[in-house]
Every structure is written in structure tokens, then in C-alpha cells.
Amino acid sequence: MKKIESMRETLSSLLTPQYLKQREEAGWRPVAVEWQREVTVLEVKPEEGGSRPAEPGGAEEIPFGLQVASDCHHLEENGAEMEVLKVLAELVVQDLSFPEMAAALNQRGFRTRGGHLWSALGVFKLTPRLIDVAPRILAGPEWETRKKQISRVAWNS
């Protein structure tokens, strides 16, 4: 059985036909091209947390809770971010305010993608994503266990 070997190489100059020929003769074939350029980016204040503005050129941001898979061809779950969404679902069930939810996430050691503390605005911006994934979170067997651990529900206290 043959094994596929992959390599990622940082370029210090533009590709030349000679360089590509050398790689091809060594048995390599290109499978992806990654381009970079400098752009002016809108700054997001750290206290705003949550999501970032869309990428220049129309590229969409990767939804919270997902990440690019190692094959760079699809998205897969990001365990740490999915845990934030699961905890957030619990906090919504507990009927906490956005500032209270942000404080609870921070107290449990969760941070935004940028590594900042959560804010009420960051949690608010995350709620559409929570709505997207809630059916999966709330239908799983793990939710039944978590639901039993929730100590206070506003409509049942």
C-alpha cells in the first residue's frame, strides 16, 4: 500500500519554472496554492470579542465551532469552540443575561478566538451561531447528562 507524503513550504521568492521542474522530478506534485497579500484590516476592539469582520475579497469567516480540516478541503468541529457553544446553551437555559453569560465563560477560562475575555457584545454576536448548532447540541446524549447538572432554571425555580 502506498502512503501519501505531504510537505508545506514557505517561499522566500516567487516560483520559477526551474524550481517547479525540480520538485516534479523529485516526485512532488502541487495540490494546493495559498496566496497572501497585505491588506488594511478593520480593527476589532478586544473588549468586543466574538466574531471578526469578513475577510477582504468576499471570503467568509469560518463559523465559530468549526475549523479547516488538515486536508484543507472541508471544515471540522473545533472541540474548544464547541465546548463554548455547549456551555452557552446551558447558560441560555438558565436565563442569564449577556453580561452574566460573558462573566461565566470568562470564569470557566474560555476565551474568544482572538484570546480575549468574553464580553456581553461578544456573547450577543455568538447567538446566531448558537441558534445554528443548538439542534445538534440539544439532541445529543451528552445534553441529557448536562441538563441534569443545571442547578437553576428560571421558569422552574
C-alpha atoms as a PDB file:
ATOM      1  CA  MET A   1       0.000   0.000   0.000  1.00  0.00           C
ATOM      2  CA  LYS A   2       1.340   3.417  -0.936  1.00  0.00           C
ATOM      3  CA  LYS A   3       1.401   6.275   1.511  1.00  0.00           C
ATOM      4  CA  ILE A   4       0.884   9.910   0.538  1.00  0.00           C
ATOM      5  CA  GLU A   5       3.598  12.239   1.788  1.00  0.00           C
ATOM      6  CA  SER A   6       2.784  15.944   2.107  1.00  0.00           C
ATOM      7  CA  MET A   7       5.003  18.954   2.572  1.00  0.00           C
ATOM      8  CA  ARG A   8       4.303  22.597   3.204  1.00  0.00           C
ATOM      9  CA  GLU A   9       6.994  25.001   2.152  1.00  0.00           C
ATOM     10  CA  THR A  10       7.362  28.697   2.926  1.00  0.00           C
ATOM     11  CA  LEU A  11       8.620  30.543  -0.136  1.00  0.00           C
ATOM     12  CA  SER A  12      11.151  33.339   0.047  1.00  0.00           C
ATOM     13  CA  SER A  13      10.658  34.340  -3.600  1.00  0.00           C
ATOM     14  CA  LEU A  14       8.296  33.778  -6.490  1.00  0.00           C
ATOM     15  CA  LEU A  15       8.055  30.306  -8.019  1.00  0.00           C
ATOM     16  CA  THR A  16      10.134  29.755 -11.124  1.00  0.00           C
ATOM     17  CA  PRO A  17       9.619  27.143 -13.842  1.00  0.00           C
ATOM     18  CA  GLN A  18      13.006  25.644 -12.940  1.00  0.00           C
ATOM     19  CA  TYR A  19      12.016  25.231  -9.286  1.00  0.00           C
ATOM     20  CA  LEU A  20       8.718  23.587 -10.245  1.00  0.00           C
ATOM     21  CA  LYS A  21      10.551  21.216 -12.605  1.00  0.00           C
ATOM     22  CA  GLN A  22      12.980  20.237  -9.797  1.00  0.00           C
ATOM     23  CA  ARG A  23      10.096  19.417  -7.469  1.00  0.00           C
ATOM     24  CA  GLU A  24       8.274  17.483 -10.194  1.00  0.00           C
ATOM     25  CA  GLU A  25      11.393  15.426 -10.951  1.00  0.00           C
ATOM     26  CA  ALA A  26      11.661  14.616  -7.251  1.00  0.00           C
ATOM     27  CA  GLY A  27       8.151  13.141  -7.395  1.00  0.00           C
ATOM     28  CA  TRP A  28       6.196  16.051  -5.957  1.00  0.00           C
ATOM     29  CA  ARG A  29       3.046  17.471  -7.499  1.00  0.00           C
ATOM     30  CA  PRO A  30       1.229  20.628  -6.418  1.00  0.00           C
ATOM     31  CA  VAL A  31      -2.135  20.006  -4.729  1.00  0.00           C
ATOM     32  CA  ALA A  32      -2.935  23.489  -3.425  1.00  0.00           C
ATOM     33  CA  VAL A  33      -1.767  27.063  -3.698  1.00  0.00           C
ATOM     34  CA  GLU A  34      -2.014  29.519  -0.833  1.00  0.00           C
ATOM     35  CA  TRP A  35      -1.769  33.202  -1.659  1.00  0.00           C
ATOM     36  CA  GLN A  36      -1.087  36.080   0.708  1.00  0.00           C
ATOM     37  CA  ARG A  37      -1.119  39.832   0.365  1.00  0.00           C
ATOM     38  CA  GLU A  38      -1.085  42.799   2.683  1.00  0.00           C
ATOM     39  CA  VAL A  39      -4.454  44.466   3.232  1.00  0.00           C
ATOM     40  CA  THR A  40      -5.831  47.127   5.501  1.00  0.00           C
ATOM     41  CA  VAL A  41      -7.934  45.428   8.170  1.00  0.00           C
ATOM     42  CA  LEU A  42     -10.676  46.982  10.268  1.00  0.00           C
ATOM     43  CA  GLU A  43      -9.706  46.725  13.901  1.00  0.00           C
ATOM     44  CA  VAL A  44     -11.982  44.938  16.351  1.00  0.00           C
ATOM     45  CA  LYS A  45     -11.574  46.133  19.905  1.00  0.00           C
ATOM     46  CA  PRO A  46     -10.575  43.291  22.256  1.00  0.00           C
ATOM     47  CA  GLU A  47     -13.491  44.007  24.571  1.00  0.00           C
ATOM     48  CA  GLU A  48     -15.918  43.355  21.711  1.00  0.00           C
ATOM     49  CA  GLY A  49     -14.800  39.712  21.494  1.00  0.00           C
ATOM     50  CA  GLY A  50     -16.732  37.259  19.373  1.00  0.00           C
ATOM     51  CA  SER A  51     -16.508  37.268  15.627  1.00  0.00           C
ATOM     52  CA  ARG A  52     -14.235  39.113  13.248  1.00  0.00           C
ATOM     53  CA  PRO A  53     -15.174  41.111  10.165  1.00  0.00           C
ATOM     54  CA  ALA A  54     -15.417  39.233   6.865  1.00  0.00           C
ATOM     55  CA  GLU A  55     -12.158  38.698   5.042  1.00  0.00           C
ATOM     56  CA  PRO A  56     -11.273  41.097   2.223  1.00  0.00           C
ATOM     57  CA  GLY A  57     -12.207  39.826  -1.214  1.00  0.00           C
ATOM     58  CA  GLY A  58     -15.500  38.331  -0.077  1.00  0.00           C
ATOM     59  CA  ALA A  59     -14.126  35.287   1.764  1.00  0.00           C
ATOM     60  CA  GLU A  60     -16.374  34.318   4.632  1.00  0.00           C
ATOM     61  CA  GLU A  61     -15.254  33.786   8.182  1.00  0.00           C
ATOM     62  CA  ILE A  62     -15.192  30.212   9.411  1.00  0.00           C
ATOM     63  CA  PRO A  63     -18.242  29.684  11.662  1.00  0.00           C
ATOM     64  CA  PHE A  64     -17.488  29.544  15.368  1.00  0.00           C
ATOM     65  CA  GLY A  65     -17.147  25.923  16.469  1.00  0.00           C
ATOM     66  CA  LEU A  66     -15.551  24.839  13.196  1.00  0.00           C
ATOM     67  CA  GLN A  67     -12.042  24.868  11.772  1.00  0.00           C
ATOM     68  CA  VAL A  68     -10.368  23.994   8.496  1.00  0.00           C
ATOM     69  CA  ALA A  69      -9.525  20.294   8.419  1.00  0.00           C
ATOM     70  CA  SER A  70      -5.930  19.193   7.954  1.00  0.00           C
ATOM     71  CA  ASP A  71      -6.671  18.266   4.330  1.00  0.00           C
ATOM     72  CA  CYS A  72      -7.788  21.890   3.712  1.00  0.00           C
ATOM     73  CA  HIS A  73     -10.840  20.619   1.811  1.00  0.00           C
ATOM     74  CA  HIS A  74     -13.582  20.775   4.424  1.00  0.00           C
ATOM     75  CA  LEU A  75     -14.484  22.074   7.864  1.00  0.00           C
ATOM     76  CA  GLU A  76     -14.442  20.008  11.023  1.00  0.00           C
ATOM     77  CA  GLU A  77     -15.516  20.680  14.592  1.00  0.00           C
ATOM     78  CA  ASN A  78     -13.209  22.688  16.827  1.00  0.00           C
ATOM     79  CA  GLY A  79     -13.576  20.983  20.206  1.00  0.00           C
ATOM     80  CA  ALA A  80     -12.735  24.016  22.340  1.00  0.00           C
ATOM     81  CA  GLU A  81     -15.141  26.293  20.469  1.00  0.00           C
ATOM     82  CA  MET A  82     -17.901  23.662  20.505  1.00  0.00           C
ATOM     83  CA  GLU A  83     -17.476  23.448  24.267  1.00  0.00           C
ATOM     84  CA  VAL A  84     -18.062  27.225  24.480  1.00  0.00           C
ATOM     85  CA  LEU A  85     -21.280  26.775  22.486  1.00  0.00           C
ATOM     86  CA  LYS A  86     -22.419  23.908  24.746  1.00  0.00           C
ATOM     87  CA  VAL A  87     -21.768  25.945  27.884  1.00  0.00           C
ATOM     88  CA  LEU A  88     -23.509  28.924  26.293  1.00  0.00           C
ATOM     89  CA  ALA A  89     -26.561  26.727  25.612  1.00  0.00           C
ATOM     90  CA  GLU A  90     -26.636  25.842  29.318  1.00  0.00           C
ATOM     91  CA  LEU A  91     -26.384  29.496  30.284  1.00  0.00           C
ATOM     92  CA  VAL A  92     -29.253  30.423  27.956  1.00  0.00           C
ATOM     93  CA  VAL A  93     -31.407  27.711  29.558  1.00  0.00           C
ATOM     94  CA  GLN A  94     -30.536  29.234  32.927  1.00  0.00           C
ATOM     95  CA  ASP A  95     -31.902  32.541  31.586  1.00  0.00           C
ATOM     96  CA  LEU A  96     -28.745  34.532  32.313  1.00  0.00           C
ATOM     97  CA  SER A  97     -28.179  37.978  30.823  1.00  0.00           C
ATOM     98  CA  PHE A  98     -25.453  38.550  28.236  1.00  0.00           C
ATOM     99  CA  PRO A  99     -23.101  40.161  30.799  1.00  0.00           C
ATOM    100  CA  GLU A 100     -23.693  37.218  33.150  1.00  0.00           C
ATOM    101  CA  MET A 101     -23.012  34.726  30.346  1.00  0.00           C
ATOM    102  CA  ALA A 102     -19.784  36.549  29.425  1.00  0.00           C
ATOM    103  CA  ALA A 103     -18.675  36.518  33.064  1.00  0.00           C
ATOM    104  CA  ALA A 104     -19.460  32.797  33.355  1.00  0.00           C
ATOM    105  CA  LEU A 105     -17.465  31.972  30.202  1.00  0.00           C
ATOM    106  CA  ASN A 106     -14.519  34.024  31.471  1.00  0.00           C
ATOM    107  CA  GLN A 107     -14.708  32.441  34.921  1.00  0.00           C
ATOM    108  CA  ARG A 108     -14.521  28.982  33.347  1.00  0.00           C
ATOM    109  CA  GLY A 109     -11.397  30.012  31.420  1.00  0.00           C
ATOM    110  CA  PHE A 110     -12.920  30.263  27.940  1.00  0.00           C
ATOM    111  CA  ARG A 111     -11.540  32.893  25.579  1.00  0.00           C
ATOM    112  CA  THR A 112     -12.557  34.270  22.182  1.00  0.00           C
ATOM    113  CA  ARG A 113     -10.798  33.150  19.010  1.00  0.00           C
ATOM    114  CA  GLY A 114      -8.513  36.117  19.457  1.00  0.00           C
ATOM    115  CA  GLY A 115      -7.614  35.008  23.009  1.00  0.00           C
ATOM    116  CA  HIS A 116      -9.538  37.832  24.675  1.00  0.00           C
ATOM    117  CA  LEU A 117     -12.022  37.777  27.525  1.00  0.00           C
ATOM    118  CA  TRP A 118     -15.657  37.407  26.554  1.00  0.00           C
ATOM    119  CA  SER A 119     -17.866  40.494  26.695  1.00  0.00           C
ATOM    120  CA  ALA A 120     -21.639  40.836  26.589  1.00  0.00           C
ATOM    121  CA  LEU A 121     -21.330  42.035  22.975  1.00  0.00           C
ATOM    122  CA  GLY A 122     -19.142  39.058  22.040  1.00  0.00           C
ATOM    123  CA  VAL A 123     -21.696  36.646  23.500  1.00  0.00           C
ATOM    124  CA  PHE A 124     -24.519  38.504  21.737  1.00  0.00           C
ATOM    125  CA  LYS A 125     -22.698  38.210  18.391  1.00  0.00           C
ATOM    126  CA  LEU A 126     -22.300  34.470  19.006  1.00  0.00           C
ATOM    127  CA  THR A 127     -26.028  33.814  19.493  1.00  0.00           C
ATOM    128  CA  PRO A 128     -26.852  33.383  15.768  1.00  0.00           C
ATOM    129  CA  ARG A 129     -24.221  30.637  15.608  1.00  0.00           C
ATOM    130  CA  LEU A 130     -25.671  29.065  18.747  1.00  0.00           C
ATOM    131  CA  ILE A 131     -29.071  29.017  17.063  1.00  0.00           C
ATOM    132  CA  ASP A 132     -27.483  27.211  14.092  1.00  0.00           C
ATOM    133  CA  VAL A 133     -25.903  24.459  16.197  1.00  0.00           C
ATOM    134  CA  ALA A 134     -28.468  24.245  19.016  1.00  0.00           C
ATOM    135  CA  PRO A 135     -30.487  21.415  17.429  1.00  0.00           C
ATOM    136  CA  ARG A 136     -27.355  19.239  17.333  1.00  0.00           C
ATOM    137  CA  ILE A 137     -26.260  20.247  20.828  1.00  0.00           C
ATOM    138  CA  LEU A 138     -29.682  19.801  22.412  1.00  0.00           C
ATOM    139  CA  ALA A 139     -30.444  16.488  20.679  1.00  0.00           C
ATOM    140  CA  GLY A 140     -27.245  14.681  21.634  1.00  0.00           C
ATOM    141  CA  PRO A 141     -26.963  12.223  24.537  1.00  0.00           C
ATOM    142  CA  GLU A 142     -24.417  14.500  26.214  1.00  0.00           C
ATOM    143  CA  TRP A 143     -27.113  17.168  26.627  1.00  0.00           C
ATOM    144  CA  GLU A 144     -29.287  14.856  28.754  1.00  0.00           C
ATOM    145  CA  THR A 145     -26.412  14.494  31.223  1.00  0.00           C
ATOM    146  CA  ARG A 146     -25.606  18.213  31.159  1.00  0.00           C
ATOM    147  CA  LYS A 147     -29.265  19.153  31.573  1.00  0.00           C
ATOM    148  CA  LYS A 148     -29.417  17.227  34.859  1.00  0.00           C
ATOM    149  CA  GLN A 149     -26.424  19.202  36.137  1.00  0.00           C
ATOM    150  CA  ILE A 150     -28.018  22.599  35.559  1.00  0.00           C
ATOM    151  CA  SER A 151     -28.771  23.854  39.017  1.00  0.00           C
ATOM    152  CA  ARG A 152     -31.286  26.640  38.366  1.00  0.00           C
ATOM    153  CA  VAL A 153     -33.860  27.159  35.654  1.00  0.00           C
ATOM    154  CA  ALA A 154     -35.707  30.467  35.852  1.00  0.00           C
ATOM    155  CA  TRP A 155     -39.149  29.111  34.995  1.00  0.00           C
ATOM    156  CA  ASN A 156     -38.770  26.234  37.448  1.00  0.00           C
ATOM    157  CA  SER A 157     -37.287  27.954  40.493  1.00  0.00           C
END
